[in-house]
């Protein structure tokens, strides 16, 4: 039996989520879905430095939208 399934059987689903940090991963995935929905699914830069800059600019834009009360859900 798979390790996580065994843990869920032993601990219960809620305790398993707390023990494995599943909830935090879920929040991170949800945040990335929102970013992709708003700004597109791909990045245009090809080099690492430009990718980092593009990601930073996207985060700044998202934070600015959020601070102005725009729906980012």
N, C-alpha and C. Protein backbone atom coordinates (compact mmCIF):
# COMPACT_ATOMS: atom_id res chain seq x y z
N UNK A 1 0.85 -1.18 0.00
CA UNK A 1 0.00 0.00 0.00
C UNK A 1 0.90 1.24 0.00
N UNK A 2 0.49 2.26 -0.72
CA UNK A 2 1.24 3.51 -0.82
C UNK A 2 1.39 4.15 0.56
N UNK A 3 2.54 4.77 0.80
CA UNK A 3 2.86 5.35 2.11
C UNK A 3 1.80 6.36 2.57
N UNK A 4 1.42 7.29 1.70
CA UNK A 4 0.45 8.31 2.09
C UNK A 4 -0.93 7.72 2.37
N UNK A 5 -1.34 6.76 1.60
CA UNK A 5 -2.64 6.12 1.84
C UNK A 5 -2.62 5.40 3.18
N UNK A 6 -1.50 4.76 3.49
CA UNK A 6 -1.37 4.09 4.78
C UNK A 6 -1.44 5.10 5.92
N UNK A 7 -0.76 6.23 5.76
CA UNK A 7 -0.80 7.28 6.80
C UNK A 7 -2.21 7.83 6.97
N UNK A 8 -2.91 8.05 5.87
CA UNK A 8 -4.28 8.54 5.96
C UNK A 8 -5.15 7.55 6.72
N UNK A 9 -4.97 6.27 6.45
CA UNK A 9 -5.73 5.24 7.18
C UNK A 9 -5.41 5.27 8.66
N UNK A 10 -4.13 5.47 9.00
CA UNK A 10 -3.72 5.45 10.40
C UNK A 10 -4.09 6.73 11.15
N UNK A 11 -3.85 7.89 10.53
CA UNK A 11 -4.00 9.16 11.21
C UNK A 11 -5.33 9.85 10.97
N UNK A 12 -5.92 9.59 9.84
CA UNK A 12 -7.07 10.36 9.39
C UNK A 12 -6.60 11.44 8.44
N UNK A 13 -7.51 11.90 7.60
CA UNK A 13 -7.13 12.83 6.53
C UNK A 13 -6.61 14.17 7.06
N UNK A 14 -7.27 14.74 8.05
CA UNK A 14 -6.88 16.05 8.57
C UNK A 14 -5.51 15.99 9.24
N UNK A 15 -5.28 14.98 10.06
CA UNK A 15 -3.98 14.84 10.72
C UNK A 15 -2.89 14.58 9.68
N UNK A 16 -3.21 13.81 8.65
CA UNK A 16 -2.24 13.55 7.58
C UNK A 16 -1.84 14.85 6.88
N UNK A 17 -2.83 15.71 6.60
CA UNK A 17 -2.53 17.00 5.95
C UNK A 17 -1.60 17.83 6.80
N UNK A 18 -1.84 17.86 8.11
CA UNK A 18 -0.98 18.64 9.01
C UNK A 18 0.43 18.05 9.06
N UNK A 19 0.52 16.73 9.14
CA UNK A 19 1.82 16.08 9.26
C UNK A 19 2.66 16.25 7.99
N UNK A 20 2.04 16.19 6.83
CA UNK A 20 2.80 16.25 5.57
C UNK A 20 2.90 17.65 4.99
N UNK A 21 2.17 18.61 5.55
CA UNK A 21 2.20 19.96 5.01
C UNK A 21 1.42 20.09 3.71
N UNK A 22 0.49 19.18 3.48
CA UNK A 22 -0.28 19.18 2.24
C UNK A 22 -1.02 20.49 2.02
N UNK A 23 -1.55 21.07 3.07
CA UNK A 23 -2.32 22.30 2.95
C UNK A 23 -1.49 23.45 2.39
N UNK A 24 -0.23 23.56 2.82
CA UNK A 24 0.65 24.61 2.31
C UNK A 24 0.94 24.43 0.83
N UNK A 25 1.16 23.19 0.43
CA UNK A 25 1.38 22.92 -1.00
C UNK A 25 0.14 23.30 -1.79
N UNK A 26 -1.02 23.00 -1.23
CA UNK A 26 -2.28 23.31 -1.91
C UNK A 26 -2.43 24.82 -2.10
N UNK A 27 -2.09 25.63 -1.08
CA UNK A 27 -2.16 27.08 -1.20
C UNK A 27 -1.19 27.59 -2.26
N UNK A 28 0.00 27.02 -2.31
CA UNK A 28 0.99 27.44 -3.30
C UNK A 28 0.50 27.11 -4.71
N UNK A 29 -0.08 25.94 -4.90
CA UNK A 29 -0.60 25.56 -6.22
C UNK A 29 -1.75 26.48 -6.63
N UNK A 30 -2.60 26.82 -5.69
CA UNK A 30 -3.71 27.72 -5.97
C UNK A 30 -3.20 29.10 -6.38
N UNK A 31 -2.18 29.59 -5.69
CA UNK A 31 -1.60 30.89 -6.03
C UNK A 31 -1.03 30.87 -7.45
N UNK A 32 -0.36 29.79 -7.81
CA UNK A 32 0.21 29.70 -9.16
C UNK A 32 -0.89 29.62 -10.21
N UNK A 33 -1.98 28.94 -9.92
CA UNK A 33 -3.11 28.88 -10.85
C UNK A 33 -3.66 30.28 -11.10
N UNK A 34 -3.76 31.07 -10.03
CA UNK A 34 -4.26 32.44 -10.18
C UNK A 34 -3.33 33.28 -11.03
N UNK A 35 -2.04 33.18 -10.78
CA UNK A 35 -1.06 33.94 -11.56
C UNK A 35 -1.15 33.55 -13.03
N UNK A 36 -1.22 32.27 -13.31
CA UNK A 36 -1.29 31.80 -14.69
C UNK A 36 -2.57 32.26 -15.37
N UNK A 37 -3.66 32.26 -14.63
CA UNK A 37 -4.94 32.67 -15.20
C UNK A 37 -4.90 34.16 -15.57
N UNK A 38 -4.26 34.97 -14.75
CA UNK A 38 -4.22 36.41 -14.98
C UNK A 38 -3.17 36.80 -16.02
N UNK A 39 -1.97 36.25 -15.92
CA UNK A 39 -0.84 36.71 -16.73
C UNK A 39 -0.43 35.75 -17.84
N UNK A 40 -1.07 34.63 -17.95
CA UNK A 40 -0.72 33.68 -19.00
C UNK A 40 0.08 32.51 -18.45
N UNK A 41 0.12 31.44 -19.22
CA UNK A 41 0.70 30.19 -18.74
C UNK A 41 2.19 30.06 -18.98
N UNK A 42 2.76 30.95 -19.77
CA UNK A 42 4.19 30.82 -20.06
C UNK A 42 4.92 32.12 -19.76
N UNK A 43 6.21 31.98 -19.57
CA UNK A 43 7.08 33.14 -19.41
C UNK A 43 7.80 33.35 -20.74
N UNK A 44 8.11 34.59 -21.06
CA UNK A 44 8.72 34.89 -22.36
C UNK A 44 10.23 34.86 -22.34
N UNK A 45 10.82 35.09 -21.20
CA UNK A 45 12.28 35.13 -21.10
C UNK A 45 12.89 33.75 -21.30
N UNK A 46 14.14 33.72 -21.72
CA UNK A 46 14.82 32.44 -21.96
C UNK A 46 16.00 32.22 -21.02
N UNK A 47 16.63 33.27 -20.57
CA UNK A 47 17.79 33.15 -19.68
C UNK A 47 17.36 33.30 -18.24
N UNK A 48 18.14 32.71 -17.34
CA UNK A 48 17.77 32.66 -15.93
C UNK A 48 17.59 34.05 -15.32
N UNK A 49 18.49 34.96 -15.59
CA UNK A 49 18.38 36.30 -15.01
C UNK A 49 17.09 36.99 -15.47
N UNK A 50 16.78 36.85 -16.75
CA UNK A 50 15.57 37.47 -17.28
C UNK A 50 14.32 36.77 -16.75
N UNK A 51 14.40 35.44 -16.54
CA UNK A 51 13.26 34.71 -15.96
C UNK A 51 12.98 35.20 -14.54
N UNK A 52 14.05 35.41 -13.76
CA UNK A 52 13.89 35.91 -12.40
C UNK A 52 13.26 37.29 -12.41
N UNK A 53 13.73 38.14 -13.32
CA UNK A 53 13.18 39.50 -13.42
C UNK A 53 11.71 39.46 -13.82
N UNK A 54 11.39 38.62 -14.79
CA UNK A 54 10.00 38.51 -15.24
C UNK A 54 9.09 38.00 -14.11
N UNK A 55 9.56 37.05 -13.35
CA UNK A 55 8.78 36.53 -12.22
C UNK A 55 8.58 37.62 -11.16
N UNK A 56 9.64 38.41 -10.90
CA UNK A 56 9.55 39.49 -9.92
C UNK A 56 8.55 40.55 -10.37
N UNK A 57 8.61 40.93 -11.63
CA UNK A 57 7.69 41.93 -12.17
C UNK A 57 6.25 41.43 -12.10
N UNK A 58 6.04 40.17 -12.41
CA UNK A 58 4.70 39.58 -12.32
C UNK A 58 4.18 39.63 -10.90
N UNK A 59 5.04 39.30 -9.94
CA UNK A 59 4.63 39.34 -8.53
C UNK A 59 4.29 40.76 -8.09
N UNK A 60 5.08 41.73 -8.54
CA UNK A 60 4.81 43.14 -8.20
C UNK A 60 3.46 43.56 -8.80
N UNK A 61 3.21 43.19 -10.04
CA UNK A 61 1.94 43.54 -10.68
C UNK A 61 0.76 42.91 -9.94
N UNK A 62 0.91 41.64 -9.55
CA UNK A 62 -0.16 40.96 -8.83
C UNK A 62 -0.41 41.63 -7.48
N UNK A 63 0.65 41.97 -6.76
CA UNK A 63 0.50 42.65 -5.47
C UNK A 63 -0.15 44.01 -5.64
N UNK A 64 0.20 44.73 -6.69
CA UNK A 64 -0.40 46.05 -6.94
C UNK A 64 -1.89 45.90 -7.22
N UNK A 65 -2.26 44.91 -8.03
CA UNK A 65 -3.67 44.66 -8.31
C UNK A 65 -4.42 44.33 -7.03
N UNK A 66 -3.81 43.50 -6.22
CA UNK A 66 -4.43 43.08 -4.96
C UNK A 66 -4.62 44.25 -4.01
N UNK A 67 -3.61 45.14 -3.92
CA UNK A 67 -3.70 46.28 -3.02
C UNK A 67 -4.75 47.29 -3.47
N UNK A 68 -5.04 47.32 -4.76
CA UNK A 68 -6.07 48.22 -5.28
C UNK A 68 -7.46 47.64 -5.21
N UNK A 69 -7.55 46.42 -4.72
CA UNK A 69 -8.86 45.80 -4.56
C UNK A 69 -9.37 45.06 -5.77
N UNK A 70 -8.51 44.84 -6.76
CA UNK A 70 -8.92 44.08 -7.93
C UNK A 70 -9.09 42.62 -7.55
N UNK A 71 -10.04 41.97 -8.17
CA UNK A 71 -10.26 40.55 -7.90
C UNK A 71 -9.13 39.74 -8.55
N UNK A 72 -8.36 39.04 -7.74
CA UNK A 72 -7.28 38.20 -8.26
C UNK A 72 -7.56 36.73 -7.95
N UNK A 73 -8.83 36.42 -7.89
CA UNK A 73 -9.19 35.04 -7.57
C UNK A 73 -9.51 34.24 -8.80
